[in-house]
Amino acid sequence: MPLSNSILSRLQYQHQTISELVAGLNEDAMKHQINPGKWSAFENIAHLTAYQPTFITRINKINEGNSPVFERYVAENDPLFYDYLKKPLAELLQISDADRKIIIRFFSSLNENDLSKSAQHPKYGNLDMGQWLQFFLLHEAHHLWVILQLVCNPPAKTKR
């Protein structure tokens, strides 16, 4: 079954929401953990950016047709996540856009046979290529929601 217009549209445009959510915000303020022990808006952006290369690697392995089994992705175990935490926001957004173009080109090149190839997710079981893309986009949407909550709920100002 071919990818729906909904999924293709989200793939092409959803990541641009990050720029819209943080436009005009102070980058240092975005790095403040509003909820101690939980990621800041900036950390969420770094995570989304760092996960895209992992996703690219995974979809390429799935496309090889050997039904790979993947471990759960944990950002704290990904050195790229820590590298991206050190980069300025503008650079993260550029990296994200470049990686997204790779993902778009990849999925645009697939036929129905390619889309039926699958891999094992540790929690959700066997997912075909379209389901992996759906999972990727919904995961990203979750973090966009978290970023919105964080940037619309700045830390309370301390009284003097």
Protein backbone atom coordinates (compact mmCIF):
# COMPACT_ATOMS: atom_id res chain seq x y z
CA MET A 1 0.00 0.00 0.00
CA PRO A 2 1.48 3.39 -0.95
CA LEU A 3 2.12 6.04 1.68
CA SER A 4 -0.85 8.31 2.32
CA ASN A 5 -0.92 12.02 1.54
CA SER A 6 -1.16 12.61 5.29
CA ILE A 7 2.06 10.80 6.10
CA LEU A 8 3.91 12.33 3.13
CA SER A 9 2.80 15.82 4.11
CA ARG A 10 3.90 15.34 7.71
CA LEU A 11 7.22 13.93 6.54
CA GLN A 12 7.84 16.96 4.36
CA TYR A 13 6.69 19.73 6.70
CA GLN A 14 6.22 18.62 10.32
CA HIS A 15 9.84 19.23 11.38
CA GLN A 16 9.51 22.89 10.32
CA THR A 17 7.27 23.35 13.35
CA ILE A 18 10.40 23.55 15.50
CA SER A 19 11.44 26.85 13.92
CA GLU A 20 7.91 28.21 14.30
CA LEU A 21 7.71 27.25 17.98
CA VAL A 22 11.02 28.82 18.97
CA ALA A 23 11.12 31.85 16.66
CA GLY A 24 12.39 34.86 18.57
CA LEU A 25 13.15 32.97 21.77
CA ASN A 26 16.38 33.33 23.67
CA GLU A 27 18.50 30.23 23.10
CA ASP A 28 19.94 30.29 26.64
CA ALA A 29 16.43 30.41 28.09
CA MET A 30 15.47 27.43 25.91
CA LYS A 31 18.28 25.45 27.57
CA HIS A 32 16.80 25.93 31.05
CA GLN A 33 15.15 22.80 32.42
CA ILE A 34 11.77 24.09 33.53
CA ASN A 35 10.97 20.71 35.07
CA PRO A 36 14.11 19.56 36.89
CA GLY A 37 15.32 16.24 35.55
CA LYS A 38 13.27 16.60 32.36
CA TRP A 39 14.66 17.81 29.08
CA SER A 40 14.58 21.48 28.18
CA ALA A 41 13.13 22.70 24.88
CA PHE A 42 16.67 22.80 23.48
CA GLU A 43 17.42 19.24 24.63
CA ASN A 44 14.23 18.05 22.91
CA ILE A 45 15.38 19.72 19.68
CA ALA A 46 18.84 18.17 19.98
CA HIS A 47 17.21 14.77 20.52
CA LEU A 48 15.01 15.09 17.43
CA THR A 49 18.02 16.16 15.38
CA ALA A 50 20.22 13.35 16.71
CA TYR A 51 17.58 10.68 16.14
CA GLN A 52 17.25 11.35 12.40
CA PRO A 53 20.64 9.75 11.49
CA THR A 54 19.67 6.69 13.55
CA PHE A 55 16.38 6.52 11.67
CA ILE A 56 18.20 6.84 8.34
CA THR A 57 20.49 3.94 9.31
CA ARG A 58 17.51 1.86 10.37
CA ILE A 59 15.44 2.41 7.22
CA ASN A 60 18.46 1.57 5.07
CA LYS A 61 18.91 -1.70 7.00
CA ILE A 62 15.21 -2.48 6.63
CA ASN A 63 15.43 -1.83 2.91
CA GLU A 64 18.16 -4.46 2.62
CA GLY A 65 15.36 -6.94 3.27
CA ASN A 66 16.85 -8.99 6.10
CA SER A 67 14.16 -8.13 8.70
CA PRO A 68 16.57 -6.65 11.27
CA VAL A 69 15.85 -6.45 14.98
CA PHE A 70 16.50 -3.06 16.58
CA GLU A 71 17.15 -2.19 20.19
CA ARG A 72 15.30 0.68 21.80
CA TYR A 73 16.88 4.03 20.96
CA VAL A 74 18.08 5.85 24.08
CA ALA A 75 19.32 9.39 23.48
CA GLU A 76 21.56 9.31 26.53
CA ASN A 77 23.45 6.40 24.94
CA ASP A 78 23.94 8.28 21.65
CA PRO A 79 27.18 10.32 21.46
CA LEU A 80 25.62 12.41 18.67
CA PHE A 81 22.98 13.67 21.12
CA TYR A 82 25.72 15.09 23.35
CA ASP A 83 27.53 16.61 20.36
CA TYR A 84 24.32 18.30 19.27
CA LEU A 85 23.72 19.75 22.73
CA LYS A 86 26.88 21.82 22.15
CA LYS A 87 25.75 23.24 18.81
CA PRO A 88 23.81 26.47 18.33
CA LEU A 89 20.11 26.20 17.50
CA ALA A 90 20.56 27.55 13.96
CA GLU A 91 23.02 24.78 13.18
CA LEU A 92 20.73 22.10 14.63
CA LEU A 93 17.91 23.34 12.42
CA GLN A 94 20.16 23.19 9.34
CA ILE A 95 21.26 19.65 10.20
CA SER A 96 17.67 18.63 10.78
CA ASP A 97 16.60 20.03 7.41
CA ALA A 98 19.45 18.28 5.58
CA ASP A 99 18.71 14.92 7.23
CA ARG A 100 15.00 15.31 6.57
CA LYS A 101 15.74 15.76 2.85
CA ILE A 102 17.57 12.41 2.92
CA ILE A 103 14.58 10.74 4.56
CA ILE A 104 12.15 12.32 2.08
CA ARG A 105 14.25 11.20 -0.90
CA PHE A 106 14.50 7.71 0.54
CA PHE A 107 10.77 7.26 1.02
CA SER A 108 9.99 8.90 -2.32
CA SER A 109 12.08 6.21 -4.03
CA LEU A 110 10.30 3.22 -2.49
CA ASN A 111 7.85 1.01 -4.30
CA GLU A 112 5.13 -1.10 -2.67
CA ASN A 113 7.46 -4.08 -2.31
CA ASP A 114 10.01 -1.89 -0.50
CA LEU A 115 7.30 -0.50 1.78
CA SER A 116 6.35 -4.03 2.84
CA LYS A 117 9.86 -4.76 4.17
CA SER A 118 9.92 -4.89 7.94
CA ALA A 119 11.98 -4.90 11.12
CA GLN A 120 11.38 -5.74 14.76
CA HIS A 121 10.82 -2.96 17.27
CA PRO A 122 11.48 -4.07 20.87
CA LYS A 123 8.12 -2.78 22.13
CA TYR A 124 5.82 -2.67 19.09
CA GLY A 125 6.90 -5.85 17.32
CA ASN A 126 7.21 -6.29 13.58
CA LEU A 127 6.68 -3.00 11.72
CA ASP A 128 6.75 -2.52 7.96
CA MET A 129 8.50 0.47 6.41
CA GLY A 130 5.33 2.60 6.43
CA GLN A 131 4.73 1.81 10.08
CA TRP A 132 8.32 2.76 10.93
CA LEU A 133 7.76 6.10 9.21
CA GLN A 134 4.48 6.57 11.10
CA PHE A 135 6.28 5.77 14.36
CA PHE A 136 9.06 8.25 13.49
CA LEU A 137 6.59 11.05 12.75
CA LEU A 138 4.43 10.43 15.82
CA HIS A 139 7.53 10.34 18.02
CA GLU A 140 8.57 13.68 16.52
CA ALA A 141 5.05 15.10 17.02
CA HIS A 142 5.19 14.11 20.71
CA HIS A 143 8.41 16.09 21.16
CA LEU A 144 6.94 19.06 19.27
CA TRP A 145 4.07 19.03 21.76
CA VAL A 146 6.55 18.94 24.65
CA ILE A 147 8.54 21.83 23.14
CA LEU A 148 5.34 23.88 22.78
CA GLN A 149 4.52 23.30 26.43
CA LEU A 150 8.01 24.30 27.51
CA VAL A 151 8.25 27.48 25.46
CA CYS A 152 4.76 28.58 26.46
CA ASN A 153 5.48 27.93 30.13
CA PRO A 154 8.66 29.86 30.92
CA PRO A 155 10.14 29.55 34.41
CA ALA A 156 8.56 31.69 37.09
CA LYS A 157 10.48 34.84 37.90
CA THR A 158 11.95 34.91 41.35
CA LYS A 159 10.75 37.67 43.68
CA ARG A 160 13.28 40.00 45.20
